[in-house]
N, C-alpha and C. Protein backbone atom coordinates (compact mmCIF):
# COMPACT_ATOMS: atom_id res chain seq x y z
N MET A 1 86.44 20.49 114.02
CA MET A 1 85.93 21.10 115.21
C MET A 1 86.48 20.45 116.46
N ILE A 2 86.67 19.18 116.42
CA ILE A 2 87.14 18.49 117.61
C ILE A 2 88.57 18.90 117.91
N THR A 3 89.33 19.36 116.91
CA THR A 3 90.71 19.77 117.16
C THR A 3 90.78 21.05 117.96
N LEU A 4 89.69 21.74 118.14
CA LEU A 4 89.68 22.95 118.95
C LEU A 4 89.68 22.63 120.43
N SER A 5 89.77 21.36 120.80
CA SER A 5 89.72 20.99 122.20
C SER A 5 90.97 21.41 122.95
N ARG A 6 92.01 21.86 122.24
CA ARG A 6 93.21 22.35 122.91
C ARG A 6 92.91 23.60 123.71
N ASN A 7 91.94 24.38 123.26
CA ASN A 7 91.55 25.57 123.99
C ASN A 7 90.76 25.16 125.21
N ARG A 8 91.15 25.66 126.36
CA ARG A 8 90.46 25.29 127.59
C ARG A 8 89.14 26.08 127.66
N PRO A 9 88.04 25.41 127.97
CA PRO A 9 86.77 26.12 128.09
C PRO A 9 86.74 26.98 129.34
N ALA A 10 85.83 27.93 129.35
CA ALA A 10 85.68 28.79 130.51
C ALA A 10 85.22 27.95 131.70
N ARG A 11 85.58 28.38 132.87
CA ARG A 11 85.24 27.64 134.08
C ARG A 11 83.73 27.54 134.22
N GLY A 12 83.24 26.34 134.47
CA GLY A 12 81.81 26.12 134.63
C GLY A 12 81.11 25.70 133.36
N SER A 13 81.78 25.78 132.22
CA SER A 13 81.16 25.35 130.96
C SER A 13 81.72 23.99 130.56
N THR A 14 81.03 23.33 129.65
CA THR A 14 81.48 22.01 129.20
C THR A 14 82.31 22.16 127.95
N CYS A 15 83.23 21.24 127.75
CA CYS A 15 84.08 21.30 126.55
C CYS A 15 83.28 20.85 125.33
N GLN A 16 83.79 21.18 124.18
CA GLN A 16 83.08 20.88 122.94
C GLN A 16 83.01 19.37 122.70
N ARG A 17 84.06 18.65 123.04
CA ARG A 17 84.06 17.20 122.85
C ARG A 17 82.95 16.55 123.69
N CYS A 18 82.76 17.03 124.92
CA CYS A 18 81.71 16.48 125.79
C CYS A 18 80.33 16.76 125.20
N ARG A 19 80.16 17.95 124.65
CA ARG A 19 78.87 18.28 124.04
C ARG A 19 78.58 17.39 122.84
N ILE A 20 79.60 17.09 122.04
CA ILE A 20 79.41 16.23 120.88
C ILE A 20 79.02 14.82 121.33
N ILE A 21 79.70 14.31 122.34
CA ILE A 21 79.39 12.96 122.84
C ILE A 21 77.98 12.92 123.42
N ARG A 22 77.61 13.94 124.17
CA ARG A 22 76.26 13.98 124.75
C ARG A 22 75.20 14.06 123.66
N SER A 23 75.45 14.82 122.61
CA SER A 23 74.49 14.92 121.50
C SER A 23 74.34 13.57 120.80
N PHE A 24 75.46 12.87 120.60
CA PHE A 24 75.40 11.56 119.96
C PHE A 24 74.60 10.57 120.80
N ILE A 25 74.83 10.56 122.10
CA ILE A 25 74.11 9.64 122.98
C ILE A 25 72.62 9.97 122.98
N ALA A 26 72.28 11.25 123.05
CA ALA A 26 70.87 11.65 123.02
C ALA A 26 70.21 11.23 121.70
N PHE A 27 70.92 11.42 120.59
CA PHE A 27 70.38 11.01 119.29
C PHE A 27 70.17 9.50 119.23
N ALA A 28 71.12 8.74 119.75
CA ALA A 28 70.99 7.27 119.74
C ALA A 28 69.80 6.82 120.58
N ILE A 29 69.60 7.45 121.72
CA ILE A 29 68.46 7.10 122.58
C ILE A 29 67.15 7.45 121.87
N MET A 30 67.08 8.63 121.27
CA MET A 30 65.86 9.02 120.55
C MET A 30 65.59 8.09 119.37
N LEU A 31 66.63 7.67 118.68
CA LEU A 31 66.46 6.74 117.57
C LEU A 31 65.93 5.39 118.06
N GLY A 32 66.43 4.93 119.19
CA GLY A 32 65.94 3.68 119.77
C GLY A 32 64.48 3.78 120.18
N ILE A 33 64.09 4.88 120.80
CA ILE A 33 62.69 5.08 121.18
C ILE A 33 61.82 5.15 119.93
N PHE A 34 62.29 5.84 118.89
CA PHE A 34 61.53 5.93 117.65
C PHE A 34 61.33 4.56 117.02
N ALA A 35 62.37 3.72 117.06
CA ALA A 35 62.26 2.38 116.49
C ALA A 35 61.26 1.53 117.26
N LEU A 36 61.16 1.72 118.57
CA LEU A 36 60.19 0.97 119.37
C LEU A 36 58.76 1.44 119.14
N VAL A 37 58.57 2.72 118.90
CA VAL A 37 57.22 3.29 118.76
C VAL A 37 56.64 3.05 117.38
N VAL A 38 57.47 3.13 116.36
CA VAL A 38 56.99 3.03 114.98
C VAL A 38 56.66 1.57 114.66
N ASP A 39 55.55 1.37 114.02
CA ASP A 39 55.18 0.02 113.59
C ASP A 39 55.33 -0.09 112.08
N ASP A 40 54.67 -1.04 111.45
CA ASP A 40 54.81 -1.26 110.01
C ASP A 40 54.14 -0.18 109.17
N SER A 41 53.44 0.74 109.78
CA SER A 41 52.74 1.76 109.00
C SER A 41 53.70 2.83 108.47
N ALA A 42 54.94 2.82 108.88
CA ALA A 42 55.91 3.82 108.42
C ALA A 42 56.54 3.35 107.11
N ARG A 43 55.78 3.40 106.04
CA ARG A 43 56.26 2.93 104.74
C ARG A 43 57.31 3.87 104.14
N PHE A 44 57.28 5.12 104.55
CA PHE A 44 58.25 6.06 104.00
C PHE A 44 59.67 5.73 104.44
N LEU A 45 59.84 4.98 105.51
CA LEU A 45 61.17 4.59 105.96
C LEU A 45 61.76 3.46 105.12
N GLN A 46 60.93 2.81 104.31
CA GLN A 46 61.45 1.75 103.46
C GLN A 46 62.32 2.31 102.34
N ALA A 47 62.16 3.61 102.07
CA ALA A 47 62.98 4.24 101.03
C ALA A 47 64.42 4.43 101.50
N VAL A 48 64.64 4.40 102.80
CA VAL A 48 65.98 4.59 103.34
C VAL A 48 66.69 3.24 103.35
N THR A 49 67.68 3.10 102.50
CA THR A 49 68.46 1.87 102.43
C THR A 49 69.91 2.20 102.78
N PRO A 50 70.69 1.21 103.15
CA PRO A 50 72.10 1.50 103.45
C PRO A 50 72.86 2.12 102.28
N GLU A 51 72.54 1.70 101.07
CA GLU A 51 73.22 2.25 99.90
C GLU A 51 72.89 3.73 99.72
N ARG A 52 71.62 4.08 99.90
CA ARG A 52 71.22 5.49 99.75
C ARG A 52 71.80 6.34 100.86
N ALA A 53 71.83 5.81 102.06
CA ALA A 53 72.41 6.56 103.17
C ALA A 53 73.91 6.78 102.93
N ALA A 54 74.60 5.75 102.46
CA ALA A 54 76.03 5.88 102.18
C ALA A 54 76.29 6.89 101.07
N SER A 55 75.47 6.85 100.02
CA SER A 55 75.67 7.81 98.93
C SER A 55 75.36 9.23 99.39
N ALA A 56 74.37 9.40 100.26
CA ALA A 56 74.08 10.74 100.79
C ALA A 56 75.24 11.25 101.63
N ILE A 57 75.85 10.38 102.42
CA ILE A 57 77.00 10.78 103.23
C ILE A 57 78.17 11.16 102.33
N TRP A 58 78.41 10.37 101.28
CA TRP A 58 79.49 10.68 100.35
C TRP A 58 79.26 12.02 99.66
N MET A 59 78.03 12.27 99.22
CA MET A 59 77.73 13.53 98.53
C MET A 59 77.87 14.72 99.48
N ALA A 60 77.36 14.59 100.70
CA ALA A 60 77.48 15.68 101.67
C ALA A 60 78.95 15.94 101.99
N GLY A 61 79.73 14.89 102.14
CA GLY A 61 81.16 15.06 102.40
C GLY A 61 81.88 15.73 101.25
N GLY A 62 81.52 15.37 100.02
CA GLY A 62 82.13 15.99 98.86
C GLY A 62 81.79 17.47 98.75
N VAL A 63 80.54 17.80 99.01
CA VAL A 63 80.13 19.21 98.96
C VAL A 63 80.84 20.00 100.06
N LEU A 64 80.90 19.45 101.27
CA LEU A 64 81.58 20.15 102.35
C LEU A 64 83.08 20.29 102.07
N PHE A 65 83.68 19.28 101.45
CA PHE A 65 85.09 19.38 101.08
C PHE A 65 85.31 20.52 100.09
N LEU A 66 84.46 20.61 99.08
CA LEU A 66 84.60 21.68 98.09
C LEU A 66 84.41 23.06 98.71
N VAL A 67 83.46 23.17 99.64
CA VAL A 67 83.24 24.45 100.31
C VAL A 67 84.47 24.84 101.13
N LYS A 68 85.01 23.88 101.90
CA LYS A 68 86.19 24.17 102.71
C LYS A 68 87.41 24.47 101.84
N LEU A 69 87.56 23.76 100.73
CA LEU A 69 88.66 24.02 99.82
C LEU A 69 88.55 25.42 99.23
N GLY A 70 87.36 25.81 98.83
CA GLY A 70 87.15 27.16 98.30
C GLY A 70 87.45 28.23 99.33
N ALA A 71 87.02 28.02 100.58
CA ALA A 71 87.30 28.99 101.64
C ALA A 71 88.80 29.08 101.90
N TRP A 72 89.47 27.93 101.88
CA TRP A 72 90.92 27.93 102.12
C TRP A 72 91.65 28.66 101.00
N LEU A 73 91.26 28.39 99.75
CA LEU A 73 91.91 29.06 98.61
C LEU A 73 91.65 30.56 98.64
N ARG A 74 90.44 30.96 99.00
CA ARG A 74 90.11 32.38 99.07
C ARG A 74 90.93 33.05 100.17
N GLY A 75 91.05 32.40 101.32
CA GLY A 75 91.84 32.96 102.41
C GLY A 75 93.32 33.02 102.07
N ARG A 76 93.80 32.02 101.37
CA ARG A 76 95.20 31.98 100.97
C ARG A 76 95.50 33.07 99.95
N ARG A 77 94.55 33.32 99.06
CA ARG A 77 94.75 34.33 98.02
C ARG A 77 94.77 35.73 98.63
N THR A 78 93.94 35.99 99.62
CA THR A 78 93.90 37.33 100.22
C THR A 78 95.07 37.56 101.17
N SER A 79 95.67 36.49 101.71
CA SER A 79 96.78 36.68 102.64
C SER A 79 98.11 36.87 101.94
N VAL A 80 98.19 36.55 100.66
CA VAL A 80 99.43 36.74 99.90
C VAL A 80 99.57 38.21 99.58
N SER A 81 100.77 38.76 99.83
CA SER A 81 100.96 40.19 99.58
C SER A 81 101.03 40.47 98.08
N ALA A 82 100.81 41.72 97.72
CA ALA A 82 100.79 42.10 96.32
C ALA A 82 102.19 42.11 95.72
N ASP A 83 103.20 42.52 96.50
CA ASP A 83 104.56 42.54 95.95
C ASP A 83 105.21 41.18 96.18
N HIS A 84 106.06 40.81 95.24
CA HIS A 84 106.68 39.50 95.29
C HIS A 84 108.11 39.56 95.82
N ALA A 85 108.53 40.71 96.35
CA ALA A 85 109.88 40.83 96.89
C ALA A 85 109.95 40.09 98.22
N PRO A 86 111.04 39.40 98.47
CA PRO A 86 111.14 38.69 99.75
C PRO A 86 111.25 39.68 100.90
N ALA A 87 110.73 39.31 102.03
CA ALA A 87 110.77 40.18 103.19
C ALA A 87 112.20 40.23 103.73
N GLU A 88 112.58 41.39 104.27
CA GLU A 88 113.92 41.56 104.79
C GLU A 88 114.05 40.83 106.12
N ARG A 89 115.10 40.05 106.26
CA ARG A 89 115.32 39.30 107.48
C ARG A 89 115.89 40.23 108.54
N PRO A 90 115.43 40.13 109.76
CA PRO A 90 115.98 40.98 110.82
C PRO A 90 117.42 40.55 111.15
N THR A 91 118.26 41.53 111.36
CA THR A 91 119.65 41.23 111.69
C THR A 91 119.82 41.25 113.19
N ALA A 92 120.77 40.47 113.68
CA ALA A 92 121.03 40.39 115.11
C ALA A 92 121.81 41.63 115.55
N ASP A 93 121.51 42.13 116.71
CA ASP A 93 122.21 43.28 117.27
C ASP A 93 123.48 42.76 117.95
N ARG A 94 124.65 43.18 117.45
CA ARG A 94 125.91 42.66 117.97
C ARG A 94 126.08 42.99 119.46
N GLY A 95 125.59 44.12 119.87
CA GLY A 95 125.75 44.51 121.28
C GLY A 95 124.98 43.60 122.22
N LYS A 96 123.86 43.10 121.78
CA LYS A 96 123.04 42.24 122.64
C LYS A 96 123.53 40.80 122.64
N THR A 97 124.12 40.35 121.53
CA THR A 97 124.51 38.93 121.44
C THR A 97 125.97 38.72 121.77
N ALA A 98 126.79 39.75 121.85
CA ALA A 98 128.23 39.60 122.08
C ALA A 98 128.51 39.02 123.45
N HIS A 99 127.75 39.42 124.46
CA HIS A 99 128.02 38.94 125.79
C HIS A 99 127.67 37.45 125.96
N ARG A 100 126.81 36.93 125.12
CA ARG A 100 126.44 35.52 125.20
C ARG A 100 127.58 34.62 124.71
N TYR A 101 128.27 35.07 123.70
CA TYR A 101 129.26 34.23 123.05
C TYR A 101 130.69 34.61 123.45
N GLY A 102 130.83 35.49 124.42
CA GLY A 102 132.15 35.84 124.93
C GLY A 102 132.99 36.68 124.01
N ARG A 103 132.38 37.50 123.18
CA ARG A 103 133.14 38.36 122.27
C ARG A 103 133.21 39.76 122.78
């Protein structure tokens, strides 16, 4: 998604990269406030360990990779033409190119 930043946004709107950065900063601030407010009574947060978080990220990444791979293969399969004959190459018009090369 970040590679779409080559497209210029409409005048008056924010670019996608700026929105992502703003969302990350807002999330970090909310997480900090949550950490200050929560006391030891939040026992359900003890289940979240770095190993479990890392494995969840790996699993989500693997699933998203498989989904994107399937979409790419499906799009590639539908874009291939039914006939296997090579396309005819366009030939140059001698009248248009002769004056360039002095013939």
